Amino acid sequence: MQILKINPVNPEQRLIRLVAQRLQQGDVIAYPTDTIYGIGCDIFQKGAVERLYRIKGKEPNKPLSFLCPNLTDISTYAQVSNQAFNIMKRLVPGPYTFVLEASRKVPKVMLTRRKTVGIRIPDNNICIAMVQLLGNPIITTSVKNTENELFSDAEEIAERLGGLVDMVIDGGRIIARHSTIIDLSGDTPMVIREGKGDTSLIFEE
């Protein structure tokens, strides 16, 4: 397992390129977002996605969210209504996960029975740089320590996961808290989980 320290303000392009190459090869990595230190992989690397489910201890039919770099990219992987677009435009980048109706581009393993998918645009320069250079979304999912707490730094997650992941990106310490989940797949926005994102901003005009 490799630990790679990347500047969270100005990510070094050569290091981001290395991460993208590893993701293209099917590696599973741990990395910081604006909410948690999580684990992920390229959504189109089937073997890596299956491995991620095993690490999480989840059944393959349980949904995992993924990261996109911008709103344009989201429209490639989900059906976005005008209302959903306007809400997301106010909130991204930020600590929100949006539940949307998936497009045909999303791998079946990523879908719920409702054919929806969770998508994030995090306020984290490392994440955005990774997915931009990779050209594909990457999965974002949480892992917890022995005290059932979310990870706040790279050293903790490296010690806990050991050989389960191929790389840990050290982007500094964060205040770990889940994202706020908003279901935008229907006519009315619904808050599924209150987290780090301010819910009052969802319903502003």
C-alpha atoms as a PDB file:
ATOM      1  CA  MET A   1       0.000   0.000   0.000  1.00  0.00           C
ATOM      2  CA  GLN A   2       1.306   3.423  -0.992  1.00  0.00           C
ATOM      3  CA  ILE A   3       0.641   6.653   0.953  1.00  0.00           C
ATOM      4  CA  LEU A   4       0.725   9.678  -1.324  1.00  0.00           C
ATOM      5  CA  LYS A   5       0.742  13.187   0.171  1.00  0.00           C
ATOM      6  CA  ILE A   6      -0.981  15.713  -2.095  1.00  0.00           C
ATOM      7  CA  ASN A   7      -1.406  19.443  -1.529  1.00  0.00           C
ATOM      8  CA  PRO A   8      -5.118  19.963  -0.773  1.00  0.00           C
ATOM      9  CA  VAL A   9      -5.077  23.574  -2.029  1.00  0.00           C
ATOM     10  CA  ASN A  10      -2.992  23.167  -5.182  1.00  0.00           C
ATOM     11  CA  PRO A  11      -2.796  19.434  -6.011  1.00  0.00           C
ATOM     12  CA  GLU A  12       0.429  18.552  -7.826  1.00  0.00           C
ATOM     13  CA  GLN A  13      -0.435  17.546 -11.389  1.00  0.00           C
ATOM     14  CA  ARG A  14       2.205  14.815 -11.555  1.00  0.00           C
ATOM     15  CA  LEU A  15       0.732  13.176  -8.445  1.00  0.00           C
ATOM     16  CA  ILE A  16      -2.831  13.490  -9.721  1.00  0.00           C
ATOM     17  CA  ARG A  17      -1.645  11.873 -12.958  1.00  0.00           C
ATOM     18  CA  LEU A  18      -0.212   8.976 -10.970  1.00  0.00           C
ATOM     19  CA  VAL A  19      -3.514   8.527  -9.110  1.00  0.00           C
ATOM     20  CA  ALA A  20      -5.468   8.566 -12.388  1.00  0.00           C
ATOM     21  CA  GLN A  21      -3.164   5.912 -13.839  1.00  0.00           C
ATOM     22  CA  ARG A  22      -3.661   3.699 -10.808  1.00  0.00           C
ATOM     23  CA  LEU A  23      -7.441   4.090 -11.015  1.00  0.00           C
ATOM     24  CA  GLN A  24      -7.331   3.179 -14.721  1.00  0.00           C
ATOM     25  CA  GLN A  25      -5.440   0.024 -13.758  1.00  0.00           C
ATOM     26  CA  GLY A  26      -8.266  -0.992 -11.421  1.00  0.00           C
ATOM     27  CA  ASP A  27      -6.781   0.093  -8.100  1.00  0.00           C
ATOM     28  CA  VAL A  28      -8.904   0.865  -5.041  1.00  0.00           C
ATOM     29  CA  ILE A  29      -7.815   4.009  -3.222  1.00  0.00           C
ATOM     30  CA  ALA A  30      -8.592   5.913  -0.037  1.00  0.00           C
ATOM     31  CA  TYR A  31      -8.873   9.666  -0.366  1.00  0.00           C
ATOM     32  CA  PRO A  32     -10.198  12.826   1.331  1.00  0.00           C
ATOM     33  CA  THR A  33     -13.394  14.601   0.337  1.00  0.00           C
ATOM     34  CA  ASP A  34     -15.052  17.651   1.880  1.00  0.00           C
ATOM     35  CA  THR A  35     -16.953  15.357   4.242  1.00  0.00           C
ATOM     36  CA  ILE A  36     -14.952  12.197   4.998  1.00  0.00           C
ATOM     37  CA  TYR A  37     -11.931  10.109   4.166  1.00  0.00           C
ATOM     38  CA  GLY A  38     -13.491   7.444   2.009  1.00  0.00           C
ATOM     39  CA  ILE A  39     -12.564   4.716  -0.433  1.00  0.00           C
ATOM     40  CA  GLY A  40     -13.292   4.410  -4.116  1.00  0.00           C
ATOM     41  CA  CYS A  41     -12.353   3.327  -7.614  1.00  0.00           C
ATOM     42  CA  ASP A  42     -13.193   4.001 -11.264  1.00  0.00           C
ATOM     43  CA  ILE A  43     -16.893   3.114 -11.748  1.00  0.00           C
ATOM     44  CA  PHE A  44     -16.054   1.353 -15.032  1.00  0.00           C
ATOM     45  CA  GLN A  45     -13.500  -1.018 -13.478  1.00  0.00           C
ATOM     46  CA  LYS A  46     -15.837  -3.903 -12.652  1.00  0.00           C
ATOM     47  CA  GLY A  47     -13.265  -5.912 -10.716  1.00  0.00           C
ATOM     48  CA  ALA A  48     -12.389  -2.906  -8.572  1.00  0.00           C
ATOM     49  CA  VAL A  49     -16.074  -2.171  -7.897  1.00  0.00           C
ATOM     50  CA  GLU A  50     -16.645  -5.781  -6.803  1.00  0.00           C
ATOM     51  CA  ARG A  51     -13.575  -5.599  -4.584  1.00  0.00           C
ATOM     52  CA  LEU A  52     -14.885  -2.388  -3.038  1.00  0.00           C
ATOM     53  CA  TYR A  53     -18.156  -4.120  -2.150  1.00  0.00           C
ATOM     54  CA  ARG A  54     -16.163  -6.858  -0.418  1.00  0.00           C
ATOM     55  CA  ILE A  55     -14.174  -4.290   1.580  1.00  0.00           C
ATOM     56  CA  LYS A  56     -17.391  -2.591   2.615  1.00  0.00           C
ATOM     57  CA  GLY A  57     -19.088  -5.900   3.400  1.00  0.00           C
ATOM     58  CA  LYS A  58     -22.026  -4.870   1.242  1.00  0.00           C
ATOM     59  CA  GLU A  59     -24.145  -6.918  -1.128  1.00  0.00           C
ATOM     60  CA  PRO A  60     -23.659  -5.956  -4.799  1.00  0.00           C
ATOM     61  CA  ASN A  61     -27.251  -4.685  -5.021  1.00  0.00           C
ATOM     62  CA  LYS A  62     -26.616  -2.056  -2.339  1.00  0.00           C
ATOM     63  CA  PRO A  63     -25.983   1.320  -4.014  1.00  0.00           C
ATOM     64  CA  LEU A  64     -22.747   3.277  -3.833  1.00  0.00           C
ATOM     65  CA  SER A  65     -22.458   6.959  -4.749  1.00  0.00           C
ATOM     66  CA  PHE A  66     -19.888   8.463  -7.076  1.00  0.00           C
ATOM     67  CA  LEU A  67     -18.092  11.753  -7.701  1.00  0.00           C
ATOM     68  CA  CYS A  68     -18.370  13.975 -10.750  1.00  0.00           C
ATOM     69  CA  PRO A  69     -16.295  17.115 -11.448  1.00  0.00           C
ATOM     70  CA  ASN A  70     -19.142  19.407 -12.562  1.00  0.00           C
ATOM     71  CA  LEU A  71     -22.834  19.718 -13.426  1.00  0.00           C
ATOM     72  CA  THR A  72     -22.231  18.983 -17.096  1.00  0.00           C
ATOM     73  CA  ASP A  73     -20.722  15.641 -16.160  1.00  0.00           C
ATOM     74  CA  ILE A  74     -23.706  14.828 -13.924  1.00  0.00           C
ATOM     75  CA  SER A  75     -26.062  15.202 -16.909  1.00  0.00           C
ATOM     76  CA  THR A  76     -24.101  12.433 -18.652  1.00  0.00           C
ATOM     77  CA  TYR A  77     -24.892   9.944 -15.906  1.00  0.00           C
ATOM     78  CA  ALA A  78     -28.321  11.099 -14.687  1.00  0.00           C
ATOM     79  CA  GLN A  79     -31.607  12.607 -15.794  1.00  0.00           C
ATOM     80  CA  VAL A  80     -31.554  16.193 -14.547  1.00  0.00           C
ATOM     81  CA  SER A  81     -34.750  18.259 -14.520  1.00  0.00           C
ATOM     82  CA  ASN A  82     -34.669  22.067 -14.578  1.00  0.00           C
ATOM     83  CA  GLN A  83     -35.641  22.105 -10.908  1.00  0.00           C
ATOM     84  CA  ALA A  84     -32.882  19.647  -9.991  1.00  0.00           C
ATOM     85  CA  PHE A  85     -30.339  21.627 -11.993  1.00  0.00           C
ATOM     86  CA  ASN A  86     -31.233  24.887 -10.268  1.00  0.00           C
ATOM     87  CA  ILE A  87     -30.985  23.289  -6.823  1.00  0.00           C
ATOM     88  CA  MET A  88     -27.646  21.644  -7.572  1.00  0.00           C
ATOM     89  CA  LYS A  89     -26.287  24.843  -9.080  1.00  0.00           C
ATOM     90  CA  ARG A  90     -26.800  26.569  -5.724  1.00  0.00           C
ATOM     91  CA  LEU A  91     -25.213  23.795  -3.687  1.00  0.00           C
ATOM     92  CA  VAL A  92     -22.175  22.568  -5.622  1.00  0.00           C
ATOM     93  CA  PRO A  93     -19.410  22.096  -5.003  1.00  0.00           C
ATOM     94  CA  GLY A  94     -20.358  21.107  -1.484  1.00  0.00           C
ATOM     95  CA  PRO A  95     -21.222  18.415   1.083  1.00  0.00           C
ATOM     96  CA  TYR A  96     -24.330  17.086  -0.661  1.00  0.00           C
ATOM     97  CA  THR A  97     -25.250  13.797  -2.352  1.00  0.00           C
ATOM     98  CA  PHE A  98     -27.960  14.047  -5.001  1.00  0.00           C
ATOM     99  CA  VAL A  99     -30.205  11.079  -5.779  1.00  0.00           C
ATOM    100  CA  LEU A 100     -31.192  11.193  -9.442  1.00  0.00           C
ATOM    101  CA  GLU A 101     -32.646   8.900 -12.073  1.00  0.00           C
ATOM    102  CA  ALA A 102     -29.698   7.172 -13.697  1.00  0.00           C
ATOM    103  CA  SER A 103     -28.854   7.274 -17.388  1.00  0.00           C
ATOM    104  CA  ARG A 104     -27.847   4.218 -19.408  1.00  0.00           C
ATOM    105  CA  LYS A 105     -24.209   5.205 -18.970  1.00  0.00           C
ATOM    106  CA  VAL A 106     -24.209   4.082 -15.314  1.00  0.00           C
ATOM    107  CA  PRO A 107     -22.992   0.485 -14.768  1.00  0.00           C
ATOM    108  CA  LYS A 108     -25.776  -1.799 -13.539  1.00  0.00           C
ATOM    109  CA  VAL A 109     -23.853  -2.682 -10.370  1.00  0.00           C
ATOM    110  CA  MET A 110     -24.178   0.970  -9.309  1.00  0.00           C
ATOM    111  CA  LEU A 111     -27.967   1.103  -9.578  1.00  0.00           C
ATOM    112  CA  THR A 112     -30.751   0.711  -7.035  1.00  0.00           C
ATOM    113  CA  ARG A 113     -33.990  -1.107  -7.825  1.00  0.00           C
ATOM    114  CA  ARG A 114     -35.476   2.311  -8.534  1.00  0.00           C
ATOM    115  CA  LYS A 115     -32.754   2.874 -11.163  1.00  0.00           C
ATOM    116  CA  THR A 116     -31.445   5.863  -9.266  1.00  0.00           C
ATOM    117  CA  VAL A 117     -27.901   6.832  -8.413  1.00  0.00           C
ATOM    118  CA  GLY A 118     -26.224   9.044  -5.811  1.00  0.00           C
ATOM    119  CA  ILE A 119     -23.886  11.692  -7.224  1.00  0.00           C
ATOM    120  CA  ARG A 120     -21.574  14.206  -5.517  1.00  0.00           C
ATOM    121  CA  ILE A 121     -19.513  17.223  -6.564  1.00  0.00           C
ATOM    122  CA  PRO A 122     -17.335  17.699  -3.469  1.00  0.00           C
ATOM    123  CA  ASP A 123     -15.676  20.941  -2.445  1.00  0.00           C
ATOM    124  CA  ASN A 124     -12.264  19.308  -2.498  1.00  0.00           C
ATOM    125  CA  ASN A 125      -9.558  20.170  -5.017  1.00  0.00           C
ATOM    126  CA  ILE A 126      -7.948  16.727  -4.903  1.00  0.00           C
ATOM    127  CA  CYS A 127     -11.213  14.952  -5.743  1.00  0.00           C
ATOM    128  CA  ILE A 128     -12.081  17.326  -8.567  1.00  0.00           C
ATOM    129  CA  ALA A 129      -8.592  17.063 -10.079  1.00  0.00           C
ATOM    130  CA  MET A 130      -8.720  13.250  -9.926  1.00  0.00           C
ATOM    131  CA  VAL A 131     -12.036  12.829 -11.717  1.00  0.00           C
ATOM    132  CA  GLN A 132     -11.246  15.528 -14.282  1.00  0.00           C
ATOM    133  CA  LEU A 133      -8.004  13.853 -15.300  1.00  0.00           C
ATOM    134  CA  LEU A 134      -9.407  10.321 -15.115  1.00  0.00           C
ATOM    135  CA  GLY A 135     -12.343  11.260 -17.325  1.00  0.00           C
ATOM    136  CA  ASN A 136     -14.708   8.953 -15.411  1.00  0.00           C
ATOM    137  CA  PRO A 137     -16.539   9.282 -12.098  1.00  0.00           C
ATOM    138  CA  ILE A 138     -15.084   7.508  -9.088  1.00  0.00           C
ATOM    139  CA  ILE A 139     -16.993   5.794  -6.310  1.00  0.00           C
ATOM    140  CA  THR A 140     -17.209   7.509  -2.940  1.00  0.00           C
ATOM    141  CA  THR A 141     -18.118   5.469   0.114  1.00  0.00           C
ATOM    142  CA  SER A 142     -17.316   5.686   3.795  1.00  0.00           C
ATOM    143  CA  VAL A 143     -15.433   3.338   6.066  1.00  0.00           C
ATOM    144  CA  LYS A 144     -15.260   3.478   9.858  1.00  0.00           C
ATOM    145  CA  ASN A 145     -12.645   2.830  12.503  1.00  0.00           C
ATOM    146  CA  THR A 146     -12.860   0.363  15.362  1.00  0.00           C
ATOM    147  CA  GLU A 147     -14.872   2.902  17.383  1.00  0.00           C
ATOM    148  CA  ASN A 148     -17.424   3.054  14.538  1.00  0.00           C
ATOM    149  CA  GLU A 149     -16.329   6.600  13.709  1.00  0.00           C
ATOM    150  CA  LEU A 150     -15.581   8.142  10.328  1.00  0.00           C
ATOM    151  CA  PHE A 151     -11.926   8.699   9.462  1.00  0.00           C
ATOM    152  CA  SER A 152     -10.483  12.218   9.718  1.00  0.00           C
ATOM    153  CA  ASP A 153      -6.960  11.683   8.408  1.00  0.00           C
ATOM    154  CA  ALA A 154      -4.860   9.497   6.154  1.00  0.00           C
ATOM    155  CA  GLU A 155      -2.797   7.834   8.898  1.00  0.00           C
ATOM    156  CA  GLU A 156      -5.918   6.474  10.593  1.00  0.00           C
ATOM    157  CA  ILE A 157      -7.357   5.069   7.409  1.00  0.00           C
ATOM    158  CA  ALA A 158      -4.019   3.563   6.316  1.00  0.00           C
ATOM    159  CA  GLU A 159      -3.632   1.800   9.671  1.00  0.00           C
ATOM    160  CA  ARG A 160      -7.213   0.496   9.570  1.00  0.00           C
ATOM    161  CA  LEU A 161      -7.337  -0.686   5.963  1.00  0.00           C
ATOM    162  CA  GLY A 162      -3.793  -1.986   5.659  1.00  0.00           C
ATOM    163  CA  GLY A 163      -3.536  -4.117   2.542  1.00  0.00           C
ATOM    164  CA  LEU A 164      -7.192  -3.776   1.596  1.00  0.00           C
ATOM    165  CA  VAL A 165      -6.535  -0.719  -0.573  1.00  0.00           C
ATOM    166  CA  ASP A 166      -3.711   0.000  -3.003  1.00  0.00           C
ATOM    167  CA  MET A 167      -3.159   3.663  -2.214  1.00  0.00           C
ATOM    168  CA  VAL A 168      -4.039   6.214   0.477  1.00  0.00           C
ATOM    169  CA  ILE A 169      -4.028   9.881  -0.481  1.00  0.00           C
ATOM    170  CA  ASP A 170      -3.014  12.176   2.350  1.00  0.00           C
ATOM    171  CA  GLY A 171      -4.793  15.483   1.862  1.00  0.00           C
ATOM    172  CA  GLY A 172      -4.598  16.688   5.451  1.00  0.00           C
ATOM    173  CA  ARG A 173      -6.929  16.334   8.387  1.00  0.00           C
ATOM    174  CA  ILE A 174     -10.647  17.021   7.933  1.00  0.00           C
ATOM    175  CA  ILE A 175     -13.709  17.276  10.172  1.00  0.00           C
ATOM    176  CA  ALA A 176     -15.437  14.037   9.246  1.00  0.00           C
ATOM    177  CA  ARG A 177     -19.205  14.042   8.849  1.00  0.00           C
ATOM    178  CA  HIS A 178     -21.513  12.437   6.295  1.00  0.00           C
ATOM    179  CA  SER A 179     -22.913  14.438   3.396  1.00  0.00           C
ATOM    180  CA  THR A 180     -26.520  15.593   3.290  1.00  0.00           C
ATOM    181  CA  ILE A 181     -28.523  13.385   0.907  1.00  0.00           C
ATOM    182  CA  ILE A 182     -31.204  15.031  -1.253  1.00  0.00           C
ATOM    183  CA  ASP A 183     -33.544  13.005  -3.461  1.00  0.00           C
ATOM    184  CA  LEU A 184     -34.111  14.966  -6.679  1.00  0.00           C
ATOM    185  CA  SER A 185     -35.540  12.070  -8.680  1.00  0.00           C
ATOM    186  CA  GLY A 186     -39.172  13.112  -8.125  1.00  0.00           C
ATOM    187  CA  ASP A 187     -41.229  16.272  -8.449  1.00  0.00           C
ATOM    188  CA  THR A 188     -40.442  17.475  -4.919  1.00  0.00           C
ATOM    189  CA  PRO A 189     -36.958  17.575  -3.358  1.00  0.00           C
ATOM    190  CA  MET A 190     -36.687  15.340  -0.296  1.00  0.00           C
ATOM    191  CA  VAL A 191     -33.975  15.338   2.364  1.00  0.00           C
ATOM    192  CA  ILE A 192     -33.090  11.678   2.947  1.00  0.00           C
ATOM    193  CA  ARG A 193     -30.285  12.300   5.428  1.00  0.00           C
ATOM    194  CA  GLU A 194     -29.181  15.457   7.211  1.00  0.00           C
ATOM    195  CA  GLY A 195     -25.414  15.745   7.281  1.00  0.00           C
ATOM    196  CA  LYS A 196     -22.738  18.357   6.769  1.00  0.00           C
ATOM    197  CA  GLY A 197     -24.678  20.293   4.124  1.00  0.00           C
ATOM    198  CA  ASP A 198     -27.065  23.038   5.270  1.00  0.00           C
ATOM    199  CA  THR A 199     -30.611  21.848   4.425  1.00  0.00           C
ATOM    200  CA  SER A 200     -32.046  25.380   4.521  1.00  0.00           C
ATOM    201  CA  LEU A 201     -30.169  26.181   1.302  1.00  0.00           C
ATOM    202  CA  ILE A 202     -32.050  23.480  -0.597  1.00  0.00           C
ATOM    203  CA  PHE A 203     -35.355  25.295  -0.638  1.00  0.00           C
ATOM    204  CA  GLU A 204     -34.126  28.835  -1.255  1.00  0.00           C
ATOM    205  CA  GLU A 205     -35.443  30.549  -4.362  1.00  0.00           C
END
